[in-house]
Amino acid sequence: MEAITLNNGIQCPAIGIGTFMLAPAEAENSVREALKMGYRLVDTANAYVNERAVGRGIKASGVPREDIFLSTKLWSSEYENEKAVDETLERLGVAGVDLLYIHQPAGNWLAGYRQLERAYREGKAKAIGISNFEGQYIAELAKKWEIVPQFIQVEAHPYFTQAALRQTLEKDDIKLMSWYPLGHGDKSLIAEPIFEQLGKKYGKSSAQVILRWHTQMGFVVIPGSKDVAHIRDNLNIMDFSLTDDEMAAIAKLNKNERYYHRADEQLAGFAAWKPAYEAE
C-alpha cells in the first residue's frame, strides 16, 4: 500500500474506505470486508451516524487496531461539548484515532479546533484536520491555530482540482483528502474519452484510472461503497502509474466546477443539527 508522509512525520495510506451515506449495517460490512482485503484507512464522522458500526467492522475484520489508520470528524453541534472527543472514541470503541477533523466551518468552530489541538496534545489523535474549510475559512483559521493541521478534506476530482486551495496548503504541507472523488457518480466524468483510453491501455476501468489520478496528484482518496466488488476494484489501482503526459492530459479536464454547493446560510443549520447516534 502506498502512503504519504504528513507534516508531523506520520504516514497515512493513499487510499481508504469511506463510509458517507452508509447505514450502520452497510458501514460495518464495508469496513470489515475492506480491511480483510487490504485497506488500512477507514474514514467516518459523527454526522454519518455509523461510528459504532465502523468500530464493530474494525473488530470483526481481525486486523490489529495498530495497523489501521482511523479517521473521524466532530460535527458542528459538538464543538462546545467538552466530552465530544471522548464520546466519539467511545462510539468507535478505541482509545484514540489516527486523524480527527472538525467537519464544517459552522457554529463555534474555533472551540472545535481547540478540542482537536487538545486531543492531539493528549495523544487521543495522532493527526488533526479540517473538513470543508476553504477560502476565507482556512485563511481565518490559519491566524488562530496553535497546531497546524495535517489534513483538509474537501471535494476534489478531475473537474475540480482545488488548484487555488492547493497553493494555500503547500505553505504548511497540509495534505488533501478527496471526497466525491469520482464526481458524485457523474456519468459524464466517468465517460470522458481520456479515461476510457487509459483504461484500455492499463486494463482498468475508468473509475480506477480516476482514483489513480488522485493518488498521483498527492491526494488521499476515500471512495465509499456497499458493494464488495466495487470496494475491491477501488483498491486495485496501485499496479500501474500514469505518465506525466497522461497526467497533463487529464489536467485539461479541469472546469473548476464542484458538485456540492454549500450556501453560507446553511452553516447555522449545521450548528443546530444534532446527530441521532446509534444506540449501544
Protein backbone atom coordinates (compact mmCIF):
# COMPACT_ATOMS: atom_id res chain seq x y z
CA MET A 1 0.00 0.00 0.00
CA GLU A 2 1.36 3.41 -0.94
CA ALA A 3 1.39 6.00 1.82
CA ILE A 4 2.04 9.72 2.20
CA THR A 5 4.05 11.35 4.96
CA LEU A 6 2.25 14.08 6.90
CA ASN A 7 3.77 17.31 8.19
CA ASN A 8 4.23 15.75 11.63
CA GLY A 9 6.10 12.74 10.24
CA ILE A 10 3.41 10.07 10.47
CA GLN A 11 2.21 8.15 7.44
CA CYS A 12 -1.27 7.72 6.01
CA PRO A 13 -2.35 5.18 3.38
CA ALA A 14 -3.04 6.71 -0.03
CA ILE A 15 -6.46 5.08 -0.40
CA GLY A 16 -9.12 4.18 2.14
CA ILE A 17 -12.70 3.16 2.56
CA GLY A 18 -15.21 5.97 3.04
CA THR A 19 -18.49 5.47 4.90
CA PHE A 20 -20.50 8.57 3.95
CA MET A 21 -24.19 7.72 3.30
CA LEU A 22 -23.77 4.14 4.54
CA ALA A 23 -26.33 2.85 7.01
CA PRO A 24 -24.81 1.20 10.09
CA ALA A 25 -25.18 -2.36 8.79
CA GLU A 26 -23.69 -1.34 5.44
CA ALA A 27 -20.80 0.52 7.09
CA GLU A 28 -19.99 -2.43 9.34
CA ASN A 29 -19.94 -4.82 6.39
CA SER A 30 -17.95 -2.49 4.11
CA VAL A 31 -15.32 -1.74 6.74
CA ARG A 32 -14.92 -5.38 7.73
CA GLU A 33 -14.57 -6.59 4.15
CA ALA A 34 -12.35 -3.69 3.09
CA LEU A 35 -9.90 -4.35 5.90
CA LYS A 36 -9.86 -8.06 5.12
CA MET A 37 -8.90 -7.35 1.51
CA GLY A 38 -6.06 -4.97 2.39
CA TYR A 39 -7.41 -1.49 3.07
CA ARG A 40 -5.77 0.19 6.05
CA LEU A 41 -7.50 3.59 6.09
CA VAL A 42 -11.10 3.96 7.32
CA ASP A 43 -12.97 7.28 7.31
CA THR A 44 -16.18 8.09 9.19
CA ALA A 45 -17.76 11.01 11.07
CA ASN A 46 -20.16 11.88 13.87
CA ALA A 47 -22.60 13.08 11.20
CA TYR A 48 -22.60 9.76 9.34
CA VAL A 49 -24.18 8.17 12.42
CA ASN A 50 -22.28 4.93 11.84
CA GLU A 51 -19.24 5.23 14.14
CA ARG A 52 -20.34 2.32 16.34
CA ALA A 53 -20.82 0.22 13.21
CA VAL A 54 -17.37 1.19 11.95
CA GLY A 55 -15.94 0.13 15.29
CA ARG A 56 -17.70 -3.21 15.02
CA GLY A 57 -16.39 -3.67 11.49
CA ILE A 58 -12.84 -2.98 12.61
CA LYS A 59 -13.07 -5.55 15.40
CA ALA A 60 -14.70 -8.16 13.14
CA SER A 61 -12.02 -7.75 10.46
CA GLY A 62 -9.34 -9.35 12.59
CA VAL A 63 -6.86 -6.65 11.57
CA PRO A 64 -4.93 -5.28 14.57
CA ARG A 65 -6.01 -1.77 15.57
CA GLU A 66 -2.42 -0.53 15.36
CA ASP A 67 -2.34 -1.43 11.65
CA ILE A 68 -5.38 0.73 10.82
CA PHE A 69 -5.40 4.48 10.14
CA LEU A 70 -8.78 5.56 11.55
CA SER A 71 -10.26 8.95 10.70
CA THR A 72 -13.40 10.62 12.05
CA LYS A 73 -14.88 14.10 12.35
CA LEU A 74 -16.53 16.13 15.10
CA TRP A 75 -19.85 17.59 13.98
CA SER A 76 -20.55 21.31 14.41
CA SER A 77 -23.07 20.87 17.24
CA GLU A 78 -20.37 19.03 19.21
CA TYR A 79 -17.74 21.77 19.11
CA GLU A 80 -18.66 23.18 22.51
CA ASN A 81 -19.27 19.76 24.08
CA GLU A 82 -16.18 19.22 26.23
CA LYS A 83 -16.82 15.47 26.16
CA ALA A 84 -17.16 15.28 22.37
CA VAL A 85 -13.80 13.63 21.73
CA ASP A 86 -14.16 11.04 24.47
CA GLU A 87 -17.73 10.28 23.38
CA THR A 88 -16.55 9.84 19.79
CA LEU A 89 -13.82 7.44 20.90
CA GLU A 90 -16.34 5.51 22.99
CA ARG A 91 -18.65 5.09 20.00
CA LEU A 92 -15.76 3.83 17.89
CA GLY A 93 -14.57 1.55 20.67
CA VAL A 94 -10.99 2.82 20.53
CA ALA A 95 -8.58 4.63 22.84
CA GLY A 96 -7.59 7.09 20.14
CA VAL A 97 -7.87 7.89 16.45
CA ASP A 98 -5.21 8.49 13.86
CA LEU A 99 -6.93 11.56 12.41
CA LEU A 100 -9.59 13.81 13.93
CA TYR A 101 -11.29 16.57 11.93
CA ILE A 102 -13.76 19.33 12.57
CA HIS A 103 -16.40 18.77 9.90
CA GLN A 104 -17.74 22.19 8.92
CA PRO A 105 -16.85 25.87 9.48
CA ALA A 106 -20.11 26.27 11.38
CA GLY A 107 -21.01 27.36 14.90
CA ASN A 108 -18.11 27.90 17.29
CA TRP A 109 -15.63 26.19 15.04
CA LEU A 110 -12.66 27.66 16.85
CA ALA A 111 -13.80 25.86 20.01
CA GLY A 112 -13.95 22.71 17.91
CA TYR A 113 -10.43 23.24 16.64
CA ARG A 114 -9.18 23.81 20.18
CA GLN A 115 -10.68 20.41 21.02
CA LEU A 116 -8.62 18.88 18.22
CA GLU A 117 -5.46 20.54 19.45
CA ARG A 118 -6.11 19.29 22.98
CA ALA A 119 -6.79 15.76 21.68
CA TYR A 120 -3.52 15.92 19.74
CA ARG A 121 -1.54 17.03 22.78
CA GLU A 122 -3.17 14.33 24.93
CA GLY A 123 -2.41 11.59 22.39
CA LYS A 124 -6.05 10.91 21.59
CA ALA A 125 -5.48 11.94 17.95
CA LYS A 126 -2.22 11.33 16.10
CA ALA A 127 -3.15 13.92 13.45
CA ILE A 128 -5.80 16.62 13.12
CA GLY A 129 -7.63 18.10 10.19
CA ILE A 130 -10.27 20.44 8.86
CA SER A 131 -13.08 19.46 6.53
CA ASN A 132 -14.72 21.91 4.11
CA PHE A 133 -12.64 24.85 5.38
CA GLU A 134 -11.90 26.56 2.08
CA GLY A 135 -11.26 30.17 1.12
CA GLN A 136 -11.94 32.63 3.91
CA TYR A 137 -12.36 29.88 6.49
CA ILE A 138 -8.89 28.37 6.20
CA ALA A 139 -7.45 31.88 6.00
CA GLU A 140 -9.13 32.85 9.26
CA LEU A 141 -8.20 29.62 10.99
CA ALA A 142 -4.56 30.00 9.94
CA LYS A 143 -4.38 33.17 12.03
CA LYS A 144 -5.59 31.28 15.11
CA TRP A 145 -4.30 27.73 15.06
CA GLU A 146 -1.69 26.70 17.59
CA ILE A 147 -1.04 23.40 15.85
CA VAL A 148 -1.01 23.29 12.06
CA PRO A 149 -3.46 20.66 10.74
CA GLN A 150 -2.14 17.67 8.85
CA PHE A 151 -5.15 17.31 6.53
CA ILE A 152 -8.00 19.07 4.85
CA GLN A 153 -10.89 17.02 3.45
CA VAL A 154 -12.69 18.64 0.53
CA GLU A 155 -14.39 17.87 -2.75
CA ALA A 156 -11.83 17.09 -5.45
CA HIS A 157 -11.91 15.29 -8.81
CA PRO A 158 -10.64 15.91 -12.36
CA TYR A 159 -13.37 18.51 -12.98
CA PHE A 160 -12.45 20.34 -9.76
CA THR A 161 -8.80 20.01 -8.84
CA GLN A 162 -8.70 22.55 -5.98
CA ALA A 163 -5.83 24.42 -7.66
CA ALA A 164 -6.20 27.61 -5.59
CA LEU A 165 -6.57 25.74 -2.31
CA ARG A 166 -3.54 23.57 -3.03
CA GLN A 167 -1.37 26.68 -3.27
CA THR A 168 -2.50 27.61 0.25
CA LEU A 169 -1.88 24.10 1.56
CA GLU A 170 1.66 23.95 0.21
CA LYS A 171 2.81 26.64 2.64
CA ASP A 172 2.25 24.35 5.62
CA ASP A 173 2.47 20.97 3.88
CA ILE A 174 -1.19 20.21 4.63
CA LYS A 175 -2.39 17.17 2.71
CA LEU A 176 -5.67 16.90 0.84
CA MET A 177 -8.15 14.04 1.27
CA SER A 178 -10.69 13.87 -1.56
CA TRP A 179 -14.42 13.36 -1.27
CA TYR A 180 -16.66 12.97 -4.30
CA PRO A 181 -13.51 11.56 -5.95
CA LEU A 182 -15.49 10.14 -8.87
CA GLY A 183 -17.57 13.27 -9.33
CA HIS A 184 -20.50 12.05 -7.23
CA GLY A 185 -21.19 9.37 -9.80
CA ASP A 186 -21.39 11.82 -12.72
CA LYS A 187 -21.55 9.65 -15.82
CA SER A 188 -20.07 12.41 -17.97
CA LEU A 189 -16.86 12.38 -15.91
CA ILE A 190 -16.58 8.61 -15.94
CA ALA A 191 -17.23 8.58 -19.70
CA GLU A 192 -14.53 11.09 -20.59
CA PRO A 193 -12.62 9.59 -23.55
CA ILE A 194 -9.24 10.01 -21.85
CA PHE A 195 -10.28 7.66 -19.05
CA GLU A 196 -11.68 5.09 -21.44
CA GLN A 197 -8.47 5.22 -23.48
CA LEU A 198 -6.23 4.88 -20.44
CA GLY A 199 -8.44 2.15 -19.05
CA LYS A 200 -7.90 0.10 -22.19
CA LYS A 201 -4.15 0.75 -22.06
CA TYR A 202 -3.76 -0.37 -18.46
CA GLY A 203 -6.55 -2.92 -18.24
CA LYS A 204 -8.51 -0.83 -15.77
CA SER A 205 -11.93 0.75 -15.52
CA SER A 206 -12.38 4.50 -15.94
CA ALA A 207 -13.10 4.75 -12.21
CA GLN A 208 -9.83 3.02 -11.38
CA VAL A 209 -7.92 5.43 -13.63
CA ILE A 210 -9.54 8.40 -11.88
CA LEU A 211 -8.68 7.03 -8.44
CA ARG A 212 -5.09 6.50 -9.56
CA TRP A 213 -5.04 10.11 -10.76
CA HIS A 214 -5.99 11.20 -7.24
CA THR A 215 -3.11 9.33 -5.63
CA GLN A 216 -0.62 10.63 -8.20
CA MET A 217 -1.86 14.15 -7.50
CA GLY A 218 -0.75 13.54 -3.93
CA PHE A 219 -4.32 13.29 -2.65
CA VAL A 220 -5.55 10.65 -0.25
CA VAL A 221 -8.75 9.24 -1.67
CA ILE A 222 -11.63 7.58 0.22
CA PRO A 223 -14.25 6.15 -2.18
CA GLY A 224 -17.19 4.61 -0.37
CA SER A 225 -19.33 1.69 -1.45
CA LYS A 226 -21.56 -1.01 -0.01
CA ASP A 227 -20.72 -3.26 -2.96
CA VAL A 228 -17.83 -5.56 -2.04
CA ALA A 229 -16.79 -5.98 -5.68
CA HIS A 230 -16.55 -2.21 -6.10
CA ILE A 231 -14.58 -1.92 -2.87
CA ARG A 232 -12.11 -4.49 -4.20
CA ASP A 233 -11.82 -2.76 -7.58
CA ASN A 234 -11.22 0.62 -5.92
CA LEU A 235 -8.22 -0.80 -4.07
CA ASN A 236 -6.77 -2.42 -7.19
CA ILE A 237 -5.10 0.73 -8.53
CA MET A 238 -1.51 0.50 -7.33
CA ASP A 239 -0.16 -1.80 -10.04
CA PHE A 240 0.08 0.88 -12.73
CA SER A 241 1.19 4.51 -12.97
CA LEU A 242 0.02 7.29 -15.25
CA THR A 243 2.76 9.04 -17.20
CA ASP A 244 3.48 12.76 -16.93
CA ASP A 245 1.88 13.27 -20.34
CA GLU A 246 -1.23 11.37 -19.27
CA MET A 247 -1.49 13.41 -16.07
CA ALA A 248 -1.16 16.57 -18.18
CA ALA A 249 -3.95 15.39 -20.49
CA ILE A 250 -6.24 14.76 -17.51
CA ALA A 251 -5.40 18.23 -16.16
CA LYS A 252 -7.06 19.73 -19.21
CA LEU A 253 -10.42 18.41 -17.98
CA ASN A 254 -10.43 20.81 -15.04
CA LYS A 255 -13.50 23.05 -15.16
CA ASN A 256 -13.09 24.47 -11.66
CA GLU A 257 -16.66 23.32 -11.06
CA ARG A 258 -17.83 21.50 -7.95
CA TYR A 259 -20.89 19.29 -7.48
CA TYR A 260 -21.69 20.29 -3.92
CA HIS A 261 -22.56 23.94 -3.32
CA ARG A 262 -22.90 24.96 0.31
CA ALA A 263 -24.50 28.32 0.94
CA ASP A 264 -23.14 30.11 4.00
CA GLU A 265 -26.67 30.39 5.39
CA GLN A 266 -26.66 26.58 5.70
CA LEU A 267 -23.93 26.77 8.32
CA ALA A 268 -26.32 27.93 11.03
CA GLY A 269 -28.44 24.86 10.36
CA PHE A 270 -25.38 22.62 10.60
CA ALA A 271 -24.54 24.05 14.01
CA ALA A 272 -28.09 23.44 15.27
CA TRP A 273 -28.47 19.88 13.98
CA LYS A 274 -27.61 17.09 16.40
CA PRO A 275 -26.86 13.62 15.05
CA ALA A 276 -29.08 10.80 16.36
CA TYR A 277 -26.27 8.45 17.26
CA GLU A 278 -26.60 4.68 17.20
CA ALA A 279 -27.66 3.16 20.50
CA GLU A 280 -25.12 0.85 22.12
